[in-house]
N, C-alpha and C. Protein backbone atom coordinates (compact mmCIF):
# COMPACT_ATOMS: atom_id res chain seq x y z
N MET A 1 0.17 9.68 10.51
CA MET A 1 0.96 10.94 10.56
C MET A 1 2.49 10.76 10.54
N SER A 2 2.81 9.56 11.23
CA SER A 2 4.37 9.35 11.14
C SER A 2 4.87 9.05 9.84
N ARG A 3 4.29 8.87 8.81
CA ARG A 3 4.80 8.67 7.49
C ARG A 3 4.53 9.63 6.61
N LEU A 4 3.95 10.71 7.04
CA LEU A 4 3.66 11.99 6.19
C LEU A 4 4.89 12.57 5.62
N TRP A 5 5.87 12.67 6.18
CA TRP A 5 7.00 13.47 5.66
C TRP A 5 8.22 12.33 5.36
N THR A 6 8.00 11.18 5.04
CA THR A 6 8.95 10.21 4.91
C THR A 6 9.94 10.43 3.84
N PHE A 7 9.48 11.11 2.74
CA PHE A 7 10.42 11.44 1.57
C PHE A 7 11.68 12.23 2.18
N TYR A 8 11.47 12.96 3.26
CA TYR A 8 12.54 13.92 3.67
C TYR A 8 13.61 12.95 4.29
N ASP A 9 13.27 11.81 4.83
CA ASP A 9 14.14 10.89 5.63
C ASP A 9 15.21 10.14 4.58
N TYR A 10 14.65 9.93 3.34
CA TYR A 10 15.29 9.16 2.49
C TYR A 10 15.69 10.04 1.20
N ARG A 11 16.51 11.06 1.34
CA ARG A 11 16.96 11.96 0.24
C ARG A 11 17.78 11.24 -0.80
N ASP A 12 18.41 10.07 -0.52
CA ASP A 12 19.32 9.50 -1.41
C ASP A 12 18.33 8.64 -2.48
N ARG A 13 17.05 8.41 -2.13
CA ARG A 13 16.26 7.77 -3.04
C ARG A 13 15.34 8.72 -3.73
N ILE A 14 14.80 8.38 -4.76
CA ILE A 14 13.79 9.24 -5.46
C ILE A 14 12.30 9.09 -4.99
N ILE A 15 11.81 9.71 -4.12
CA ILE A 15 10.54 9.48 -3.67
C ILE A 15 9.90 10.72 -3.85
N PRO A 16 8.89 10.64 -4.68
CA PRO A 16 8.02 11.91 -4.81
C PRO A 16 7.37 12.43 -3.61
N ASN A 17 7.09 13.64 -3.38
CA ASN A 17 6.56 14.22 -2.19
C ASN A 17 4.93 14.51 -2.68
N THR A 18 4.49 14.08 -3.81
CA THR A 18 3.10 14.19 -4.15
C THR A 18 2.55 12.79 -4.78
N ASN A 19 1.38 12.59 -4.96
CA ASN A 19 0.93 11.36 -5.61
C ASN A 19 0.52 11.63 -7.06
N ASN A 20 0.79 12.75 -7.55
CA ASN A 20 0.45 13.09 -8.80
C ASN A 20 0.74 12.04 -10.00
N GLY A 21 1.83 11.46 -9.84
CA GLY A 21 2.27 10.57 -10.85
C GLY A 21 1.30 9.28 -10.81
N LEU A 22 1.11 8.88 -9.59
CA LEU A 22 0.11 7.68 -9.39
C LEU A 22 -1.29 8.04 -9.92
N GLU A 23 -1.78 9.28 -9.54
CA GLU A 23 -2.98 9.59 -9.96
C GLU A 23 -3.06 9.66 -11.63
N ALA A 24 -2.10 10.00 -12.25
CA ALA A 24 -2.01 10.08 -13.67
C ALA A 24 -2.10 8.67 -14.15
N VAL A 25 -1.36 7.72 -13.61
CA VAL A 25 -1.43 6.31 -14.11
C VAL A 25 -2.99 5.91 -13.93
N PHE A 26 -3.56 5.98 -12.64
CA PHE A 26 -5.04 5.64 -12.44
C PHE A 26 -5.83 6.21 -13.43
N ALA A 27 -5.78 7.40 -13.66
CA ALA A 27 -6.59 8.12 -14.78
C ALA A 27 -6.51 7.48 -16.20
N ASP A 28 -5.35 7.03 -16.55
CA ASP A 28 -5.04 6.60 -17.81
C ASP A 28 -5.65 5.12 -17.85
N ILE A 29 -5.53 4.31 -16.74
CA ILE A 29 -6.24 3.08 -16.66
C ILE A 29 -7.65 3.17 -16.73
N LYS A 30 -8.37 3.92 -15.88
CA LYS A 30 -9.62 4.31 -16.08
C LYS A 30 -10.25 4.67 -17.40
N SER A 31 -9.54 5.59 -18.13
CA SER A 31 -9.95 5.84 -19.35
C SER A 31 -9.84 4.62 -20.31
N LYS A 32 -8.94 3.78 -20.17
CA LYS A 32 -8.88 2.61 -21.02
C LYS A 32 -9.85 1.66 -20.54
N VAL A 33 -10.16 1.38 -19.45
CA VAL A 33 -11.28 0.49 -19.03
C VAL A 33 -12.56 1.10 -19.50
N ARG A 34 -12.83 2.44 -19.40
CA ARG A 34 -14.19 2.99 -19.71
C ARG A 34 -14.40 3.00 -21.11
N VAL A 35 -13.41 2.84 -22.03
CA VAL A 35 -13.56 2.75 -23.48
C VAL A 35 -14.07 1.26 -23.75
N HIS A 36 -13.72 0.49 -22.92
CA HIS A 36 -14.12 -0.93 -23.24
C HIS A 36 -15.06 -1.36 -22.17
N SER A 37 -16.24 -0.56 -22.29
CA SER A 37 -17.27 -0.77 -21.10
C SER A 37 -17.88 -2.27 -21.01
N GLY A 38 -17.80 -3.08 -22.02
CA GLY A 38 -18.52 -4.32 -22.10
C GLY A 38 -17.63 -5.47 -21.64
N LEU A 39 -16.55 -5.17 -20.95
CA LEU A 39 -15.71 -6.14 -20.57
C LEU A 39 -16.05 -6.93 -19.32
N THR A 40 -16.03 -8.22 -19.17
CA THR A 40 -16.27 -8.94 -17.92
C THR A 40 -15.30 -8.47 -17.03
N LYS A 41 -15.45 -8.83 -15.64
CA LYS A 41 -14.53 -8.51 -14.74
C LYS A 41 -13.09 -9.14 -14.93
N GLU A 42 -13.18 -10.47 -15.40
CA GLU A 42 -11.96 -11.30 -15.57
C GLU A 42 -11.15 -10.51 -16.84
N HIS A 43 -11.83 -10.05 -17.85
CA HIS A 43 -11.17 -9.47 -19.07
C HIS A 43 -10.64 -8.13 -18.48
N ARG A 44 -11.41 -7.43 -17.76
CA ARG A 44 -10.98 -6.03 -17.20
C ARG A 44 -9.50 -6.15 -16.50
N MET A 45 -9.58 -7.23 -15.61
CA MET A 45 -8.29 -7.48 -14.76
C MET A 45 -7.15 -7.85 -15.75
N LYS A 46 -7.29 -8.44 -16.85
CA LYS A 46 -6.21 -8.86 -17.78
C LYS A 46 -5.84 -7.55 -18.57
N LEU A 47 -6.83 -6.73 -18.89
CA LEU A 47 -6.42 -5.55 -19.52
C LEU A 47 -5.63 -4.62 -18.77
N ILE A 48 -5.89 -4.57 -17.32
CA ILE A 48 -5.19 -3.84 -16.41
C ILE A 48 -3.77 -4.27 -16.17
N ASP A 49 -3.86 -5.62 -16.05
CA ASP A 49 -2.48 -6.41 -15.93
C ASP A 49 -1.54 -6.13 -17.06
N LYS A 50 -2.03 -6.32 -18.21
CA LYS A 50 -1.28 -6.22 -19.48
C LYS A 50 -0.73 -4.70 -19.64
N TYR A 51 -1.54 -3.61 -19.29
CA TYR A 51 -1.21 -2.27 -19.27
C TYR A 51 -0.11 -1.96 -18.33
N ILE A 52 -0.13 -2.39 -17.10
CA ILE A 52 0.88 -2.25 -16.23
C ILE A 52 2.23 -3.01 -16.54
N SER A 53 1.99 -4.15 -17.11
CA SER A 53 3.13 -4.87 -17.40
C SER A 53 3.89 -4.35 -18.60
N HIS A 54 3.22 -3.68 -19.52
CA HIS A 54 3.81 -3.21 -20.65
C HIS A 54 4.39 -1.84 -20.48
N GLN A 55 3.64 -1.15 -19.59
CA GLN A 55 4.06 0.27 -19.33
C GLN A 55 5.24 0.34 -18.28
N TYR A 56 5.32 -0.48 -17.37
CA TYR A 56 6.27 -0.34 -16.10
C TYR A 56 6.98 -1.45 -15.87
């Protein structure tokens, strides 16, 4: 509970007060992985790693 309102303490930084952006990223990754359902765990991890490294 002590970290619930942390974004108020650091107004000079851009900290979102919701996790909507993070949820959107996870939803996009899930949809990419779901399309390629036959991937092994190793290849799935590579797909996620490449997606994150290219996007962010």
